[in-house]
Amino acid sequence: MKILVTGGLGFIGSHTVVALQNKDYEVVVIDNLSNSSLKVLEGITNITSKTPEFHKLDLRDKSSLLDFFAKHQDISGIIHFAASKAVGESVENPLLYYENNLAALTYLLQNLVNLTEQNIIFSSSCTVYGEASELPISESAPVKKAMSPYGNTKQVGEEIISDTCAAYDNLKAISLRYFNPIGSHPTNEIGELPIGTPQNLVPFITQTAIGKRKELSVFGDDYPTQDGTCIRDYIHVMDLAEAHVVALERIMSSKTEENFEVFNVGTGIGSSVLEVVKAFENASGENLNYKIVGRRPGDVIAAYADTKKANMTLGWKAKRSLEEALKDAWEWEKSQAKARV
């Protein structure tokens, strides 16, 4: 079966392409390379001994997207990653996020509903829950007012898909609300490649440890948590990639109970920023230089997943530990440093 992966050279997308090709799917990748690199294609090939078909294309370009689908009517499913994803940046530049995350999704769906096979996995986020009233967070938790434009695009994106599923009987969709992906493929062939200053915790940690950054800024130590820092659910990117394959197989084997389903994808374990720092130091043997600074706009206090629905309904469960993910992220960072020399 031919699967389209949008944003397939990005961090999560590239690992999902590997997981798909390891299951013998034929993969077609669309990516505009705004936050990725063609080198990732080589890494995917080195891991799987297969090169996915690649198209440099911006999903906001309606005419190019129409041309693409005119030539790819035999796509059996889409996994949609292509989107901007940094909370802080979205607060500073909301219009970029609304255009890139919502217009692109709309154009993609306009083409999908004309295909024979209308199956899509949507890359969503736990940000749709906002500051959750209860922890761990289950799929039945209310979707609250978003705390950032990025979070709002995920909420509205799900609404767009849900409304479209209601209008098109053949359209099947699963939204995966994942928590905090970290780590890299254990081969060091692919990993997280943030362009510019990292917006996420772990790549900033590894870049600080390698000497690329002077120090890590910990945004706030006055939250109502055990050590005052924010708590998140950190999931190894390969566990997350494998969840996408399982969700896709659920749709394509007609096992869905509704046209639009939602699953949390996390470990179910909450770790504070300082706990992650300590776990990284243990995993790497490095002492990390960090300082406490003021809170960052858009950050929630704590978010970690109730994973029972994904565990039982999808038959999926995260297998890799926080320490394993941090070790893989550190090995990836070191491999990149060697490549730069």
Protein backbone atom coordinates (compact mmCIF):
# COMPACT_ATOMS: atom_id res chain seq x y z
CA MET A 1 0.00 0.00 0.00
CA LYS A 2 1.17 3.51 -0.80
CA ILE A 3 1.21 5.91 2.16
CA LEU A 4 1.73 9.68 1.91
CA VAL A 5 3.65 11.24 4.79
CA THR A 6 3.52 15.04 4.84
CA GLY A 7 6.42 16.60 6.71
CA GLY A 8 8.10 13.24 6.27
CA LEU A 9 11.65 14.58 6.64
CA GLY A 10 10.89 16.26 9.96
CA PHE A 11 11.70 14.80 13.36
CA ILE A 12 8.62 12.65 13.96
CA GLY A 13 7.83 12.25 10.27
CA SER A 14 11.21 10.73 9.37
CA HIS A 15 11.05 8.18 12.18
CA THR A 16 7.52 7.26 11.08
CA VAL A 17 8.72 6.80 7.49
CA VAL A 18 11.31 4.35 8.86
CA ALA A 19 8.64 2.49 10.83
CA LEU A 20 6.40 2.30 7.74
CA GLN A 21 9.16 1.08 5.44
CA ASN A 22 10.17 -1.52 8.02
CA LYS A 23 6.59 -2.82 7.66
CA ASP A 24 7.00 -2.88 3.84
CA TYR A 25 4.72 0.05 3.06
CA GLU A 26 5.52 2.09 -0.04
CA VAL A 27 6.07 5.62 1.23
CA VAL A 28 5.74 8.94 -0.56
CA VAL A 29 7.09 11.98 1.30
CA ILE A 30 6.05 15.60 0.91
CA ASP A 31 8.15 18.21 2.72
CA ASN A 32 8.90 21.88 2.01
CA LEU A 33 12.25 21.60 3.89
CA SER A 34 11.44 24.67 6.00
CA ASN A 35 12.44 22.83 9.17
CA SER A 36 14.21 19.77 7.81
CA SER A 37 17.00 18.69 5.48
CA LEU A 38 17.44 16.49 2.42
CA LYS A 39 20.16 14.68 4.38
CA VAL A 40 17.35 13.01 6.33
CA LEU A 41 16.36 11.16 3.15
CA GLU A 42 19.81 9.60 3.08
CA GLY A 43 19.50 8.59 6.73
CA ILE A 44 16.15 6.89 6.09
CA THR A 45 17.69 4.99 3.18
CA ASN A 46 20.67 3.89 5.27
CA ILE A 47 18.38 2.48 7.97
CA THR A 48 15.81 0.74 5.78
CA SER A 49 17.76 0.11 2.53
CA LYS A 50 14.83 1.80 0.76
CA THR A 51 14.48 5.39 -0.45
CA PRO A 52 10.97 6.84 -0.21
CA GLU A 53 9.66 8.81 -3.16
CA PHE A 54 10.23 12.48 -2.28
CA HIS A 55 8.50 15.67 -3.43
CA LYS A 56 9.58 19.12 -2.29
CA LEU A 57 6.21 20.79 -2.01
CA ASP A 58 4.50 23.35 0.21
CA LEU A 59 0.97 22.25 1.12
CA ARG A 60 -0.15 25.88 1.00
CA ASP A 61 0.50 25.83 -2.77
CA LYS A 62 -2.93 24.66 -3.96
CA SER A 63 -2.04 24.21 -7.62
CA SER A 64 1.08 22.13 -6.89
CA LEU A 65 -0.91 20.00 -4.46
CA LEU A 66 -3.59 19.40 -7.09
CA ASP A 67 -0.92 18.34 -9.58
CA PHE A 68 0.58 15.96 -7.02
CA PHE A 69 -2.71 14.20 -6.31
CA ALA A 70 -3.56 14.00 -10.00
CA LYS A 71 -0.49 11.76 -10.32
CA HIS A 72 -1.00 9.86 -7.04
CA GLN A 73 -4.58 8.63 -7.06
CA ASP A 74 -3.46 5.29 -5.63
CA ILE A 75 -2.59 6.60 -2.15
CA SER A 76 -4.15 4.36 0.52
CA GLY A 77 -3.56 6.59 3.52
CA ILE A 78 -2.07 9.89 4.67
CA ILE A 79 -0.14 10.65 7.83
CA HIS A 80 -0.15 14.42 8.22
CA PHE A 81 2.75 15.95 10.15
CA ALA A 82 3.52 19.06 8.10
CA ALA A 83 2.96 22.00 10.48
CA SER A 84 4.78 24.57 12.56
CA LYS A 85 5.09 23.33 16.13
CA ALA A 86 6.79 25.70 18.58
CA VAL A 87 4.59 27.16 21.33
CA GLY A 88 6.77 30.24 21.91
CA GLU A 89 7.11 31.05 18.23
CA SER A 90 3.35 30.73 17.75
CA VAL A 91 2.77 33.39 20.42
CA GLU A 92 5.15 35.71 18.57
CA ASN A 93 3.91 34.91 15.05
CA PRO A 94 0.31 33.62 15.21
CA LEU A 95 -0.58 34.34 11.58
CA LEU A 96 2.21 32.07 10.33
CA TYR A 97 0.78 29.27 12.45
CA TYR A 98 -2.82 29.77 11.33
CA GLU A 99 -1.80 29.77 7.67
CA ASN A 100 0.72 26.94 7.84
CA ASN A 101 -1.24 24.63 10.12
CA LEU A 102 -4.86 25.24 9.07
CA ALA A 103 -4.82 26.34 5.42
CA ALA A 104 -2.49 23.46 4.55
CA LEU A 105 -4.73 20.94 6.34
CA THR A 106 -7.80 22.26 4.52
CA TYR A 107 -6.15 21.96 1.11
CA LEU A 108 -4.95 18.44 1.94
CA LEU A 109 -8.46 17.32 2.91
CA GLN A 110 -9.92 18.85 -0.25
CA ASN A 111 -7.75 16.43 -2.22
CA LEU A 112 -8.13 13.47 0.13
CA VAL A 113 -11.94 13.33 -0.20
CA ASN A 114 -11.54 12.77 -3.95
CA LEU A 115 -9.43 9.62 -3.50
CA THR A 116 -10.78 6.08 -3.50
CA GLU A 117 -9.13 5.40 -0.13
CA GLN A 118 -9.82 8.25 2.29
CA ASN A 119 -7.76 7.55 5.41
CA ILE A 120 -5.80 10.08 7.45
CA ILE A 121 -3.81 10.09 10.68
CA PHE A 122 -3.54 13.60 12.13
CA SER A 123 -0.58 14.76 14.17
CA SER A 124 -2.28 16.42 17.12
CA SER A 125 -1.08 17.36 20.58
CA CYS A 126 -1.87 17.27 24.27
CA THR A 127 -1.93 21.07 24.04
CA VAL A 128 -5.63 20.73 23.08
CA TYR A 129 -6.36 20.00 26.75
CA GLY A 130 -4.86 23.28 27.95
CA GLU A 131 -4.34 23.29 31.71
CA ALA A 132 -6.09 20.00 32.46
CA SER A 133 -8.25 19.77 35.59
CA GLU A 134 -7.27 16.16 36.28
CA LEU A 135 -4.07 14.17 35.82
CA PRO A 136 -3.31 11.91 34.09
CA ILE A 137 -5.17 13.33 31.09
CA SER A 138 -7.66 11.01 29.38
CA GLU A 139 -9.28 11.48 25.97
CA SER A 140 -12.54 12.38 27.73
CA ALA A 141 -10.92 15.45 29.33
CA PRO A 142 -12.49 18.67 28.08
CA VAL A 143 -10.76 20.55 25.29
CA LYS A 144 -10.15 23.91 26.94
CA LYS A 145 -9.33 27.31 25.54
CA ALA A 146 -5.89 27.00 24.01
CA MET A 147 -3.00 28.67 25.80
CA SER A 148 -1.13 29.39 22.56
CA PRO A 149 -1.88 29.85 18.85
CA TYR A 150 -0.08 26.55 18.22
CA GLY A 151 -2.44 24.75 20.61
CA ASN A 152 -5.39 26.48 18.97
CA THR A 153 -4.35 25.24 15.52
CA LYS A 154 -4.43 21.67 16.84
CA GLN A 155 -7.88 22.19 18.35
CA VAL A 156 -9.26 23.78 15.19
CA GLY A 157 -7.46 21.20 13.03
CA GLU A 158 -9.32 18.42 14.83
CA GLU A 159 -12.59 20.32 14.39
CA ILE A 160 -11.93 20.68 10.65
CA ILE A 161 -11.29 16.94 10.34
CA SER A 162 -14.30 16.02 12.47
CA ASP A 163 -16.61 18.25 10.42
CA THR A 164 -15.22 16.82 7.17
CA CYS A 165 -15.70 13.25 8.41
CA ALA A 166 -19.33 14.10 9.18
CA ALA A 167 -19.82 15.33 5.61
CA TYR A 168 -17.99 12.49 3.82
CA ASP A 169 -19.02 8.97 4.79
CA ASN A 170 -15.93 7.33 3.30
CA LEU A 171 -13.45 9.52 5.19
CA LYS A 172 -11.82 7.85 8.19
CA ALA A 173 -9.52 9.75 10.53
CA ILE A 174 -7.58 9.19 13.73
CA SER A 175 -6.12 12.08 15.68
CA LEU A 176 -3.11 11.15 17.80
CA ARG A 177 -2.73 13.60 20.67
CA TYR A 178 0.85 13.09 21.65
CA PHE A 179 2.81 14.47 24.47
CA ASN A 180 6.56 15.29 24.26
CA PRO A 181 8.55 13.32 21.67
CA ILE A 182 12.29 13.02 22.31
CA GLY A 183 15.22 10.80 21.39
CA SER A 184 16.38 9.58 17.99
CA HIS A 185 16.79 6.42 15.97
CA PRO A 186 19.41 4.24 17.71
CA THR A 187 21.50 4.06 14.50
CA ASN A 188 22.16 7.84 14.72
CA GLU A 189 21.14 8.07 11.06
CA ILE A 190 18.18 10.37 11.84
CA GLY A 191 17.20 12.49 14.81
CA GLU A 192 15.92 15.91 15.82
CA LEU A 193 17.41 18.68 13.65
CA PRO A 194 16.10 22.01 14.93
CA ILE A 195 16.95 24.93 12.67
CA GLY A 196 18.21 27.88 14.69
CA THR A 197 17.64 27.99 18.44
CA PRO A 198 15.79 24.86 19.66
CA GLN A 199 12.26 25.50 20.93
CA ASN A 200 12.04 22.17 22.78
CA LEU A 201 13.76 21.06 25.99
CA VAL A 202 15.81 18.01 25.00
CA PRO A 203 17.61 19.39 21.91
CA PHE A 204 18.48 22.47 23.97
CA ILE A 205 19.85 20.17 26.67
CA THR A 206 22.00 18.20 24.22
CA GLN A 207 23.23 21.33 22.44
CA THR A 208 24.20 22.81 25.81
CA ALA A 209 26.01 19.63 26.83
CA ILE A 210 27.96 19.52 23.55
CA GLY A 211 28.98 23.19 23.97
CA LYS A 212 26.87 24.65 21.18
CA ARG A 213 24.79 26.62 23.72
CA LYS A 214 26.19 28.41 26.76
CA GLU A 215 23.49 27.24 29.15
CA LEU A 216 19.98 25.86 29.36
CA SER A 217 17.22 28.22 30.48
CA VAL A 218 14.68 26.58 32.79
CA PHE A 219 11.49 28.59 32.42
CA GLY A 220 10.21 29.06 35.95
CA ASP A 221 10.77 27.22 39.23
CA ASP A 222 7.69 28.55 41.02
CA TYR A 223 5.05 26.22 39.58
CA PRO A 224 3.00 24.09 42.03
CA THR A 225 5.02 20.93 41.35
CA GLN A 226 7.46 18.92 43.48
CA ASP A 227 10.48 20.99 42.39
CA GLY A 228 8.72 24.06 40.97
CA THR A 229 9.35 23.22 37.31
CA CYS A 230 6.84 22.17 34.65
CA ILE A 231 5.95 18.49 34.25
CA ARG A 232 5.62 16.75 30.89
CA ASP A 233 5.26 13.23 29.50
CA TYR A 234 8.37 12.48 27.42
CA ILE A 235 7.96 9.69 24.85
CA HIS A 236 10.66 8.13 22.69
CA VAL A 237 10.13 9.17 19.07
CA MET A 238 10.31 5.54 17.86
CA ASP A 239 7.48 4.56 20.22
CA LEU A 240 5.50 7.45 18.78
CA ALA A 241 6.37 6.47 15.20
CA GLU A 242 5.16 2.94 15.82
CA ALA A 243 1.88 4.29 17.21
CA HIS A 244 1.22 5.98 13.86
CA VAL A 245 1.68 2.70 12.01
CA VAL A 246 -0.69 0.89 14.40
CA ALA A 247 -3.30 3.66 14.03
CA LEU A 248 -3.00 3.56 10.24
CA GLU A 249 -3.49 -0.20 10.23
CA ARG A 250 -6.59 0.21 12.42
CA ILE A 251 -8.15 2.55 9.86
CA MET A 252 -7.19 0.56 6.79
CA SER A 253 -8.45 -2.72 8.25
CA SER A 254 -11.84 -1.06 8.99
CA LYS A 255 -11.58 -1.59 12.74
CA THR A 256 -12.56 1.98 13.66
CA GLU A 257 -15.78 2.38 15.62
CA GLU A 258 -16.36 5.94 14.39
CA ASN A 259 -15.22 7.96 11.38
CA PHE A 260 -13.12 10.16 13.67
CA GLU A 261 -11.28 8.69 16.65
CA VAL A 262 -8.89 10.25 19.14
CA PHE A 263 -6.05 8.63 21.11
CA ASN A 264 -3.50 9.97 23.58
CA VAL A 265 0.04 8.80 22.85
CA GLY A 266 2.43 9.07 25.78
CA THR A 267 4.11 7.01 28.48
CA GLY A 268 1.75 7.92 31.31
CA ILE A 269 4.74 9.14 33.36
CA GLY A 270 5.21 12.82 34.20
CA SER A 271 8.75 14.18 34.58
CA SER A 272 9.68 17.70 35.65
CA VAL A 273 12.22 19.78 33.76
CA LEU A 274 14.76 19.34 36.54
CA GLU A 275 14.11 15.59 36.63
CA VAL A 276 14.84 15.45 32.89
CA VAL A 277 18.06 17.43 33.47
CA LYS A 278 19.11 14.93 36.17
CA ALA A 279 18.15 11.94 34.02
CA PHE A 280 20.19 13.36 31.15
CA GLU A 281 23.23 13.83 33.39
CA ASN A 282 22.89 10.21 34.54
CA ALA A 283 22.44 8.90 30.99
CA SER A 284 25.27 10.93 29.46
CA GLY A 285 27.76 11.36 32.30
CA GLU A 286 27.80 15.10 31.55
CA ASN A 287 27.19 17.96 33.99
CA LEU A 288 24.67 20.36 32.48
CA ASN A 289 24.98 24.13 32.81
CA TYR A 290 21.54 25.63 33.43
CA LYS A 291 19.89 28.62 35.05
CA ILE A 292 16.38 29.41 36.25
CA VAL A 293 14.64 32.22 34.34
CA GLY A 294 11.10 33.60 34.25
CA ARG A 295 8.09 31.66 33.08
CA ARG A 296 7.44 31.29 29.34
CA PRO A 297 4.07 32.41 27.91
CA GLY A 298 1.83 29.52 26.87
CA ASP A 299 3.32 26.87 29.17
CA VAL A 300 0.95 24.72 31.23
CA ILE A 301 1.94 23.48 34.69
CA ALA A 302 1.69 19.74 34.09
CA ALA A 303 0.60 17.36 31.34
CA TYR A 304 0.96 13.60 31.23
CA ALA A 305 -1.18 10.99 29.55
CA ASP A 306 -3.72 8.42 30.58
CA THR A 307 -2.72 5.83 27.97
CA LYS A 308 -5.32 3.13 28.71
CA LYS A 309 -7.35 3.78 25.55
CA ALA A 310 -4.32 3.53 23.25
CA ASN A 311 -3.02 0.51 25.15
CA MET A 312 -6.30 -1.41 24.98
CA THR A 313 -7.94 -0.25 21.74
CA LEU A 314 -4.88 0.20 19.56
CA GLY A 315 -2.88 -2.54 21.26
CA TRP A 316 0.03 -0.11 21.49
CA LYS A 317 2.19 0.77 24.49
CA ALA A 318 5.36 2.83 24.88
CA LYS A 319 8.31 0.47 25.42
CA ARG A 320 11.34 2.74 25.77
CA SER A 321 12.36 4.60 28.96
CA LEU A 322 13.15 8.27 29.52
CA GLU A 323 16.81 7.40 30.09
CA GLU A 324 16.94 5.40 26.84
CA ALA A 325 15.41 8.32 24.93
CA LEU A 326 17.87 10.79 26.45
CA LYS A 327 20.81 8.50 25.73
CA ASP A 328 19.71 8.20 22.09
CA ALA A 329 19.30 11.99 21.86
CA TRP A 330 22.80 12.48 23.27
CA GLU A 331 24.38 9.95 20.91
CA TRP A 332 22.63 11.72 18.02
CA GLU A 333 23.95 15.10 19.15
CA LYS A 334 27.49 13.73 19.38
CA SER A 335 27.22 12.21 15.91
CA GLN A 336 26.16 15.57 14.52
CA ALA A 337 29.10 17.28 16.21
CA LYS A 338 31.47 14.78 14.57
CA ALA A 339 29.84 15.39 11.20
CA ARG A 340 30.43 19.16 11.56
CA VAL A 341 34.17 18.74 12.23
